[in-house]
PDB file of N, CA and C in Angstrom:
ATOM      1  N   UNK A   1       1.357  -5.496  13.769  1.00  0.00           N
ATOM      2  CA  UNK A   1       2.558  -5.725  14.410  1.00  0.00           C
ATOM      3  C   UNK A   1       2.976  -4.863  15.798  1.00  0.00           C
ATOM      4  N   UNK A   2       2.665  -4.037  15.860  1.00  0.00           N
ATOM      5  CA  UNK A   2       3.121  -2.876  17.048  1.00  0.00           C
ATOM      6  C   UNK A   2       2.009  -2.895  18.031  1.00  0.00           C
ATOM      7  N   UNK A   3       2.443  -2.814  19.206  1.00  0.00           N
ATOM      8  CA  UNK A   3       1.307  -2.667  20.356  1.00  0.00           C
ATOM      9  C   UNK A   3       0.932  -1.219  20.367  1.00  0.00           C
ATOM     10  N   UNK A   4       0.067  -0.776  19.717  1.00  0.00           N
ATOM     11  CA  UNK A   4      -0.572   0.741  19.448  1.00  0.00           C
ATOM     12  C   UNK A   4      -2.023   0.670  19.178  1.00  0.00           C
ATOM     13  N   UNK A   5      -2.694   1.826  19.610  1.00  0.00           N
ATOM     14  CA  UNK A   5      -4.096   1.833  19.179  1.00  0.00           C
ATOM     15  C   UNK A   5      -4.369   1.879  17.587  1.00  0.00           C
ATOM     16  N   UNK A   6      -5.407   1.071  17.466  1.00  0.00           N
ATOM     17  CA  UNK A   6      -5.745   0.911  15.784  1.00  0.00           C
ATOM     18  C   UNK A   6      -5.646   2.377  15.208  1.00  0.00           C
ATOM     19  N   UNK A   7      -6.188   3.448  15.695  1.00  0.00           N
ATOM     20  CA  UNK A   7      -6.277   4.697  15.181  1.00  0.00           C
ATOM     21  C   UNK A   7      -4.850   5.264  15.064  1.00  0.00           C
ATOM     22  N   UNK A   8      -4.086   5.120  16.048  1.00  0.00           N
ATOM     23  CA  UNK A   8      -2.537   5.616  15.786  1.00  0.00           C
ATOM     24  C   UNK A   8      -1.885   4.569  14.591  1.00  0.00           C
ATOM     25  N   UNK A   9      -2.145   3.450  14.716  1.00  0.00           N
ATOM     26  CA  UNK A   9      -1.589   2.677  13.625  1.00  0.00           C
ATOM     27  C   UNK A   9      -2.269   3.034  12.073  1.00  0.00           C
ATOM     28  N   UNK A  10      -3.153   3.326  12.055  1.00  0.00           N
ATOM     29  CA  UNK A  10      -3.901   3.881  10.791  1.00  0.00           C
ATOM     30  C   UNK A  10      -3.226   5.094  10.217  1.00  0.00           C
ATOM     31  N   UNK A  11      -3.115   5.852  11.465  1.00  0.00           N
ATOM     32  CA  UNK A  11      -2.415   7.357  10.931  1.00  0.00           C
ATOM     33  C   UNK A  11      -0.870   7.156  10.642  1.00  0.00           C
ATOM     34  N   UNK A  12      -0.310   6.381  11.256  1.00  0.00           N
ATOM     35  CA  UNK A  12       1.315   5.975  11.054  1.00  0.00           C
ATOM     36  C   UNK A  12       1.345   5.317   9.495  1.00  0.00           C
ATOM     37  N   UNK A  13       0.390   4.420   9.146  1.00  0.00           N
ATOM     38  CA  UNK A  13       0.811   3.801   7.961  1.00  0.00           C
ATOM     39  C   UNK A  13       0.358   4.664   6.844  1.00  0.00           C
ATOM     40  N   UNK A  14      -0.745   5.475   6.911  1.00  0.00           N
ATOM     41  CA  UNK A  14      -1.096   6.605   6.115  1.00  0.00           C
ATOM     42  C   UNK A  14       0.158   7.511   5.910  1.00  0.00           C
ATOM     43  N   UNK A  15       0.823   7.847   6.722  1.00  0.00           N
ATOM     44  CA  UNK A  15       1.718   8.588   6.861  1.00  0.00           C
ATOM     45  C   UNK A  15       3.001   8.245   5.959  1.00  0.00           C
ATOM     46  N   UNK A  16       3.269   6.874   6.387  1.00  0.00           N
ATOM     47  CA  UNK A  16       4.427   6.187   5.720  1.00  0.00           C
ATOM     48  C   UNK A  16       4.003   6.037   4.126  1.00  0.00           C
ATOM     49  N   UNK A  17       2.607   5.771   3.740  1.00  0.00           N
ATOM     50  CA  UNK A  17       2.251   5.805   2.526  1.00  0.00           C
ATOM     51  C   UNK A  17       2.525   7.161   1.661  1.00  0.00           C
ATOM     52  N   UNK A  18       2.257   8.224   2.261  1.00  0.00           N
ATOM     53  CA  UNK A  18       2.360   9.459   1.563  1.00  0.00           C
ATOM     54  C   UNK A  18       3.673  10.095   1.580  1.00  0.00           C
ATOM     55  N   UNK A  19       4.789   9.574   2.242  1.00  0.00           N
ATOM     56  CA  UNK A  19       6.132  10.048   2.380  1.00  0.00           C
ATOM     57  C   UNK A  19       7.090   9.097   2.007  1.00  0.00           C
ATOM     58  N   UNK A  20       6.870   8.532   0.597  1.00  0.00           N
ATOM     59  CA  UNK A  20       7.735   7.525   0.112  1.00  0.00           C
ATOM     60  C   UNK A  20       8.830   8.304  -0.537  1.00  0.00           C
ATOM     61  N   UNK A  21       9.609   7.433  -1.458  1.00  0.00           N
ATOM     62  CA  UNK A  21      11.007   8.080  -1.893  1.00  0.00           C
ATOM     63  C   UNK A  21      10.367   8.739  -3.465  1.00  0.00           C
ATOM     64  N   UNK A  22       9.141   8.179  -3.891  1.00  0.00           N
ATOM     65  CA  UNK A  22       9.058   8.844  -5.153  1.00  0.00           C
ATOM     66  C   UNK A  22       7.735   9.131  -5.344  1.00  0.00           C
ATOM     67  N   UNK A  23       7.136  10.466  -5.987  1.00  0.00           N
ATOM     68  CA  UNK A  23       6.050  11.006  -5.661  1.00  0.00           C
ATOM     69  C   UNK A  23       4.936  10.082  -6.391  1.00  0.00           C
ATOM     70  N   UNK A  24       5.310   9.126  -7.494  1.00  0.00           N
ATOM     71  CA  UNK A  24       4.112   8.145  -7.960  1.00  0.00           C
ATOM     72  C   UNK A  24       3.878   7.294  -6.898  1.00  0.00           C
ATOM     73  N   UNK A  25       4.468   6.940  -6.119  1.00  0.00           N
ATOM     74  CA  UNK A  25       4.161   5.987  -4.879  1.00  0.00           C
ATOM     75  C   UNK A  25       3.343   6.784  -3.961  1.00  0.00           C
ATOM     76  N   UNK A  26       3.768   7.866  -3.652  1.00  0.00           N
ATOM     77  CA  UNK A  26       2.910   8.639  -2.729  1.00  0.00           C
ATOM     78  C   UNK A  26       1.396   8.796  -3.280  1.00  0.00           C
ATOM     79  N   UNK A  27       1.275   8.985  -4.380  1.00  0.00           N
ATOM     80  CA  UNK A  27      -0.111   9.278  -5.016  1.00  0.00           C
ATOM     81  C   UNK A  27      -0.772   7.785  -5.073  1.00  0.00           C
ATOM     82  N   UNK A  28      -0.223   7.020  -5.400  1.00  0.00           N
ATOM     83  CA  UNK A  28      -0.658   5.378  -5.409  1.00  0.00           C
ATOM     84  C   UNK A  28      -1.148   5.105  -4.318  1.00  0.00           C
ATOM     85  N   UNK A  29      -0.162   5.283  -3.200  1.00  0.00           N
ATOM     86  CA  UNK A  29      -0.440   4.324  -1.917  1.00  0.00           C
ATOM     87  C   UNK A  29      -1.168   5.482  -0.897  1.00  0.00           C
ATOM     88  N   UNK A  30      -1.468   6.508  -1.157  1.00  0.00           N
ATOM     89  CA  UNK A  30      -2.209   7.241  -0.183  1.00  0.00           C
ATOM     90  C   UNK A  30      -3.658   7.087  -0.733  1.00  0.00           C
ATOM     91  N   UNK A  31      -3.910   7.280  -1.971  1.00  0.00           N
ATOM     92  CA  UNK A  31      -5.302   6.769  -2.515  1.00  0.00           C
ATOM     93  C   UNK A  31      -5.788   5.233  -2.150  1.00  0.00           C
ATOM     94  N   UNK A  32      -4.792   4.568  -2.101  1.00  0.00           N
ATOM     95  CA  UNK A  32      -5.134   3.206  -1.612  1.00  0.00           C
ATOM     96  C   UNK A  32      -5.523   3.032  -0.108  1.00  0.00           C
ATOM     97  N   UNK A  33      -4.684   3.832   0.708  1.00  0.00           N
ATOM     98  CA  UNK A  33      -4.964   3.936   2.056  1.00  0.00           C
ATOM     99  C   UNK A  33      -6.134   4.742   2.279  1.00  0.00           C
ATOM    100  N   UNK A  34      -6.703   5.561   1.558  1.00  0.00           N
ATOM    101  CA  UNK A  34      -8.021   6.481   1.862  1.00  0.00           C
ATOM    102  C   UNK A  34      -9.133   5.454   1.460  1.00  0.00           C
ATOM    103  N   UNK A  35      -9.004   4.594   0.588  1.00  0.00           N
ATOM    104  CA  UNK A  35     -10.143   3.845   0.070  1.00  0.00           C
ATOM    105  C   UNK A  35     -10.165   2.581   0.829  1.00  0.00           C
ATOM    106  N   UNK A  36      -9.075   2.056   1.388  1.00  0.00           N
ATOM    107  CA  UNK A  36      -9.264   0.698   2.091  1.00  0.00           C
ATOM    108  C   UNK A  36      -8.584   0.612   3.497  1.00  0.00           C
ATOM    109  N   UNK A  37      -7.787   1.400   3.827  1.00  0.00           N
ATOM    110  CA  UNK A  37      -7.133   1.093   5.181  1.00  0.00           C
ATOM    111  C   UNK A  37      -7.807   1.011   6.301  1.00  0.00           C
ATOM    112  N   UNK A  38      -8.997   1.868   6.421  1.00  0.00           N
ATOM    113  CA  UNK A  38      -9.781   1.812   7.432  1.00  0.00           C
ATOM    114  C   UNK A  38     -10.782   0.552   7.582  1.00  0.00           C
ATOM    115  N   UNK A  39     -10.870  -0.387   6.518  1.00  0.00           N
ATOM    116  CA  UNK A  39     -11.611  -1.510   6.826  1.00  0.00           C
ATOM    117  C   UNK A  39     -10.805  -2.917   6.794  1.00  0.00           C
ATOM    118  N   UNK A  40      -9.446  -2.747   6.863  1.00  0.00           N
ATOM    119  CA  UNK A  40      -8.453  -3.672   7.094  1.00  0.00           C
ATOM    120  C   UNK A  40      -8.537  -4.227   8.331  1.00  0.00           C
ATOM    121  N   UNK A  41      -8.565  -5.550   8.424  1.00  0.00           N
ATOM    122  CA  UNK A  41      -8.433  -6.432   9.701  1.00  0.00           C
ATOM    123  C   UNK A  41      -6.921  -6.110  10.129  1.00  0.00           C
ATOM    124  N   UNK A  42      -6.595  -6.623  11.441  1.00  0.00           N
ATOM    125  CA  UNK A  42      -5.048  -6.460  11.692  1.00  0.00           C
ATOM    126  C   UNK A  42      -4.019  -7.516  10.931  1.00  0.00           C
ATOM    127  N   UNK A  43      -4.538  -8.504  10.558  1.00  0.00           N
ATOM    128  CA  UNK A  43      -3.736  -9.110   9.479  1.00  0.00           C
ATOM    129  C   UNK A  43      -3.402  -8.649   8.217  1.00  0.00           C
ATOM    130  N   UNK A  44      -4.582  -7.912   7.480  1.00  0.00           N
ATOM    131  CA  UNK A  44      -4.369  -7.210   6.375  1.00  0.00           C
ATOM    132  C   UNK A  44      -3.397  -5.935   6.594  1.00  0.00           C
ATOM    133  N   UNK A  45      -3.461  -5.419   7.818  1.00  0.00           N
ATOM    134  CA  UNK A  45      -2.491  -3.968   8.003  1.00  0.00           C
ATOM    135  C   UNK A  45      -1.179  -4.444   8.203  1.00  0.00           C
ATOM    136  N   UNK A  46      -0.882  -5.669   8.730  1.00  0.00           N
ATOM    137  CA  UNK A  46       0.404  -6.623   8.875  1.00  0.00           C
ATOM    138  C   UNK A  46       1.131  -6.732   7.684  1.00  0.00           C
ATOM    139  N   UNK A  47       0.033  -7.127   6.665  1.00  0.00           N
ATOM    140  CA  UNK A  47       0.795  -7.453   5.456  1.00  0.00           C
ATOM    141  C   UNK A  47       1.073  -6.262   4.741  1.00  0.00           C
ATOM    142  N   UNK A  48       0.159  -4.947   5.016  1.00  0.00           N
ATOM    143  CA  UNK A  48       0.290  -3.711   4.220  1.00  0.00           C
ATOM    144  C   UNK A  48       1.582  -3.126   4.778  1.00  0.00           C
ATOM    145  N   UNK A  49       1.886  -3.224   6.061  1.00  0.00           N
ATOM    146  CA  UNK A  49       2.948  -2.757   6.601  1.00  0.00           C
ATOM    147  C   UNK A  49       4.340  -3.416   6.013  1.00  0.00           C
ATOM    148  N   UNK A  50       4.203  -4.867   5.958  1.00  0.00           N
ATOM    149  CA  UNK A  50       5.202  -5.582   5.350  1.00  0.00           C
ATOM    150  C   UNK A  50       5.537  -4.957   3.862  1.00  0.00           C
ATOM    151  N   UNK A  51       4.518  -4.744   2.953  1.00  0.00           N
ATOM    152  CA  UNK A  51       4.626  -3.997   1.949  1.00  0.00           C
ATOM    153  C   UNK A  51       5.385  -2.682   1.759  1.00  0.00           C
ATOM    154  N   UNK A  52       5.015  -1.831   2.747  1.00  0.00           N
ATOM    155  CA  UNK A  52       5.750  -0.698   2.929  1.00  0.00           C
ATOM    156  C   UNK A  52       7.213  -0.836   3.125  1.00  0.00           C
ATOM    157  N   UNK A  53       7.652  -1.910   3.669  1.00  0.00           N
ATOM    158  CA  UNK A  53       8.960  -2.244   4.032  1.00  0.00           C
ATOM    159  C   UNK A  53       9.791  -2.276   2.753  1.00  0.00           C
ATOM    160  N   UNK A  54       9.266  -2.504   1.591  1.00  0.00           N
ATOM    161  CA  UNK A  54       9.777  -2.887   0.206  1.00  0.00           C
ATOM    162  C   UNK A  54      10.300  -1.467  -0.380  1.00  0.00           C
ATOM    163  N   UNK A  55      11.290  -1.435  -1.204  1.00  0.00           N
ATOM    164  CA  UNK A  55      11.695  -0.267  -2.029  1.00  0.00           C
ATOM    165  C   UNK A  55      10.690   0.163  -3.085  1.00  0.00           C
ATOM    166  N   UNK A  56      10.496   1.449  -3.072  1.00  0.00           N
ATOM    167  CA  UNK A  56       9.540   2.024  -3.847  1.00  0.00           C
ATOM    168  C   UNK A  56       9.610   1.668  -5.073  1.00  0.00           C
ATOM    169  N   UNK A  57      10.726   1.664  -5.717  1.00  0.00           N
ATOM    170  CA  UNK A  57      11.075   1.427  -7.255  1.00  0.00           C
ATOM    171  C   UNK A  57      10.515  -0.103  -7.289  1.00  0.00           C
ATOM    172  N   UNK A  58      10.749  -0.940  -6.459  1.00  0.00           N
ATOM    173  CA  UNK A  58      10.414  -2.523  -6.704  1.00  0.00           C
ATOM    174  C   UNK A  58       8.711  -2.585  -6.752  1.00  0.00           C
ATOM    175  N   UNK A  59       8.137  -1.823  -5.621  1.00  0.00           N
ATOM    176  CA  UNK A  59       6.564  -1.812  -5.528  1.00  0.00           C
ATOM    177  C   UNK A  59       5.959  -1.174  -6.900  1.00  0.00           C
ATOM    178  N   UNK A  60       6.705  -0.090  -7.275  1.00  0.00           N
ATOM    179  CA  UNK A  60       6.251   0.666  -8.689  1.00  0.00           C
ATOM    180  C   UNK A  60       6.339  -0.611  -9.609  1.00  0.00           C
ATOM    181  N   UNK A  61       7.334  -1.326  -9.755  1.00  0.00           N
ATOM    182  CA  UNK A  61       7.500  -2.066 -10.706  1.00  0.00           C
ATOM    183  C   UNK A  61       6.464  -3.325 -10.765  1.00  0.00           C
ATOM    184  N   UNK A  62       6.230  -3.552  -9.562  1.00  0.00           N
ATOM    185  CA  UNK A  62       5.052  -4.592  -9.370  1.00  0.00           C
ATOM    186  C   UNK A  62       3.674  -3.967  -9.941  1.00  0.00           C
ATOM    187  N   UNK A  63       3.491  -3.010  -9.317  1.00  0.00           N
ATOM    188  CA  UNK A  63       2.096  -2.401  -9.691  1.00  0.00           C
ATOM    189  C   UNK A  63       2.080  -2.086 -11.103  1.00  0.00           C
ATOM    190  N   UNK A  64       3.026  -1.798 -11.890  1.00  0.00           N
ATOM    191  CA  UNK A  64       3.016  -1.538 -13.459  1.00  0.00           C
ATOM    192  C   UNK A  64       3.339  -2.721 -14.215  1.00  0.00           C
ATOM    193  N   UNK A  65       3.432  -3.712 -13.465  1.00  0.00           N
ATOM    194  CA  UNK A  65       3.428  -5.230 -14.144  1.00  0.00           C
ATOM    195  C   UNK A  65       4.895  -5.080 -15.021  1.00  0.00           C
ATOM    196  N   UNK A  66       6.015  -4.500 -14.320  1.00  0.00           N
ATOM    197  CA  UNK A  66       7.135  -4.666 -15.083  1.00  0.00           C
ATOM    198  C   UNK A  66       7.889  -5.999 -14.542  1.00  0.00           C
ATOM    199  N   UNK A  67       7.629  -6.297 -13.142  1.00  0.00           N
ATOM    200  CA  UNK A  67       8.352  -7.172 -12.572  1.00  0.00           C
ATOM    201  C   UNK A  67       7.219  -8.214 -12.103  1.00  0.00           C
ATOM    202  N   UNK A  68       7.399  -9.426 -11.877  1.00  0.00           N
ATOM    203  CA  UNK A  68       6.416 -10.381 -11.236  1.00  0.00           C
ATOM    204  C   UNK A  68       6.276 -10.177  -9.805  1.00  0.00           C
ATOM    205  N   UNK A  69       5.045 -10.199  -9.230  1.00  0.00           N
ATOM    206  CA  UNK A  69       4.979  -9.973  -7.816  1.00  0.00           C
ATOM    207  C   UNK A  69       5.181 -11.228  -7.067  1.00  0.00           C
ATOM    208  N   UNK A  70       5.913 -11.042  -5.883  1.00  0.00           N
ATOM    209  CA  UNK A  70       6.000 -12.287  -5.311  1.00  0.00           C
ATOM    210  C   UNK A  70       4.739 -12.597  -4.464  1.00  0.00           C
ATOM    211  N   UNK A  71       4.628 -13.978  -4.285  1.00  0.00           N
ATOM    212  CA  UNK A  71       3.201 -14.286  -3.539  1.00  0.00           C
ATOM    213  C   UNK A  71       2.673 -13.814  -2.325  1.00  0.00           C
ATOM    214  N   UNK A  72       3.764 -13.349  -1.386  1.00  0.00           N
ATOM    215  CA  UNK A  72       3.590 -12.774  -0.183  1.00  0.00           C
ATOM    216  C   UNK A  72       3.000 -11.333  -0.418  1.00  0.00           C
ATOM    217  N   UNK A  73       3.102 -10.795  -1.584  1.00  0.00           N
ATOM    218  CA  UNK A  73       2.404  -9.284  -1.817  1.00  0.00           C
ATOM    219  C   UNK A  73       1.347  -9.389  -2.676  1.00  0.00           C
ATOM    220  N   UNK A  74       1.194 -10.595  -3.443  1.00  0.00           N
ATOM    221  CA  UNK A  74       0.148 -10.394  -4.693  1.00  0.00           C
ATOM    222  C   UNK A  74      -1.017 -10.195  -4.530  1.00  0.00           C
ATOM    223  N   UNK A  75      -1.837 -10.308  -3.105  1.00  0.00           N
ATOM    224  CA  UNK A  75      -3.054  -9.833  -3.003  1.00  0.00           C
ATOM    225  C   UNK A  75      -3.186  -8.370  -2.682  1.00  0.00           C
ATOM    226  N   UNK A  76      -2.224  -7.811  -2.001  1.00  0.00           N
ATOM    227  CA  UNK A  76      -2.185  -6.389  -1.918  1.00  0.00           C
ATOM    228  C   UNK A  76      -2.028  -5.555  -3.115  1.00  0.00           C
ATOM    229  N   UNK A  77      -1.082  -6.077  -3.862  1.00  0.00           N
ATOM    230  CA  UNK A  77      -0.774  -5.382  -5.206  1.00  0.00           C
ATOM    231  C   UNK A  77      -2.012  -5.498  -6.062  1.00  0.00           C
ATOM    232  N   UNK A  78      -2.659  -6.659  -6.139  1.00  0.00           N
ATOM    233  CA  UNK A  78      -3.877  -6.888  -7.032  1.00  0.00           C
ATOM    234  C   UNK A  78      -4.806  -5.887  -6.403  1.00  0.00           C
ATOM    235  N   UNK A  79      -5.103  -5.760  -5.167  1.00  0.00           N
ATOM    236  CA  UNK A  79      -6.093  -4.676  -4.746  1.00  0.00           C
ATOM    237  C   UNK A  79      -5.720  -3.292  -5.057  1.00  0.00           C
ATOM    238  N   UNK A  80      -4.358  -2.928  -4.887  1.00  0.00           N
ATOM    239  CA  UNK A  80      -3.985  -1.678  -5.376  1.00  0.00           C
ATOM    240  C   UNK A  80      -4.247  -1.542  -6.706  1.00  0.00           C
ATOM    241  N   UNK A  81      -3.847  -2.356  -7.612  1.00  0.00           N
ATOM    242  CA  UNK A  81      -4.057  -2.242  -9.149  1.00  0.00           C
ATOM    243  C   UNK A  81      -5.672  -2.030  -9.243  1.00  0.00           C
ATOM    244  N   UNK A  82      -6.409  -2.841  -8.573  1.00  0.00           N
ATOM    245  CA  UNK A  82      -7.924  -2.833  -9.038  1.00  0.00           C
ATOM    246  C   UNK A  82      -8.439  -1.540  -8.575  1.00  0.00           C
ATOM    247  N   UNK A  83      -7.794  -0.764  -7.614  1.00  0.00           N
ATOM    248  CA  UNK A  83      -8.274   0.859  -7.346  1.00  0.00           C
ATOM    249  C   UNK A  83      -7.717   1.521  -8.234  1.00  0.00           C
ATOM    250  N   UNK A  84      -6.669   1.585  -8.938  1.00  0.00           N
ATOM    251  CA  UNK A  84      -6.284   2.127  -9.970  1.00  0.00           C
ATOM    252  C   UNK A  84      -6.969   1.940 -11.298  1.00  0.00           C
ATOM    253  N   UNK A  85      -7.171   0.719 -11.595  1.00  0.00           N
ATOM    254  CA  UNK A  85      -8.097   0.372 -12.768  1.00  0.00           C
ATOM    255  C   UNK A  85      -9.475   1.129 -12.625  1.00  0.00           C
ATOM    256  N   UNK A  86     -10.099   1.151 -11.576  1.00  0.00           N
ATOM    257  CA  UNK A  86     -11.573   1.613 -11.303  1.00  0.00           C
ATOM    258  C   UNK A  86     -11.410   2.763 -11.444  1.00  0.00           C
ATOM    259  N   UNK A  87     -10.280   3.841 -10.859  1.00  0.00           N
ATOM    260  CA  UNK A  87     -10.299   5.076 -10.898  1.00  0.00           C
ATOM    261  C   UNK A  87      -8.865   5.622 -11.104  1.00  0.00           C
ATOM    262  N   UNK A  88      -8.231   5.615 -12.466  1.00  0.00           N
ATOM    263  CA  UNK A  88      -6.932   5.977 -12.486  1.00  0.00           C
ATOM    264  C   UNK A  88      -6.571   7.392 -12.079  1.00  0.00           C
ATOM    265  N   UNK A  89      -5.380   7.667 -11.643  1.00  0.00           N
ATOM    266  CA  UNK A  89      -4.841   8.867 -11.424  1.00  0.00           C
ATOM    267  C   UNK A  89      -4.541   9.738 -12.751  1.00  0.00           C
ATOM    268  N   UNK A  90      -5.099  10.678 -12.692  1.00  0.00           N
ATOM    269  CA  UNK A  90      -4.860  11.678 -14.050  1.00  0.00           C
ATOM    270  C   UNK A  90      -3.960  12.660 -13.831  1.00  0.00           C
TER     271      UNK A  90
END
C-alpha cells in the first residue's frame, strides 16, 4: 500500500500488531506476524494492513467466532484461527 522498503513495512506492520487497544489482540496478532508475515506477498500484506484498520473488539469477535467474518477478511481470520488452533496461547 505504501511506497516503502519491504523490511520497513514488515517492521511497521509488526509494531501495529503488537500495539493494539487490547492485550489479547497484541498476543494473537504478534504471534501471527512472527509465524506468517515474512512469507506474505505484497497483496497479502495489503490485506493484512486493511485488517489492522479494523476495531480490535471486532477482530477479536471474528477470531472467537462471536460475529460472522466479512468476506474481505475471511482468509486472514481463518489463517489466524489456524495458528491459534495449532498452538494455543496459554
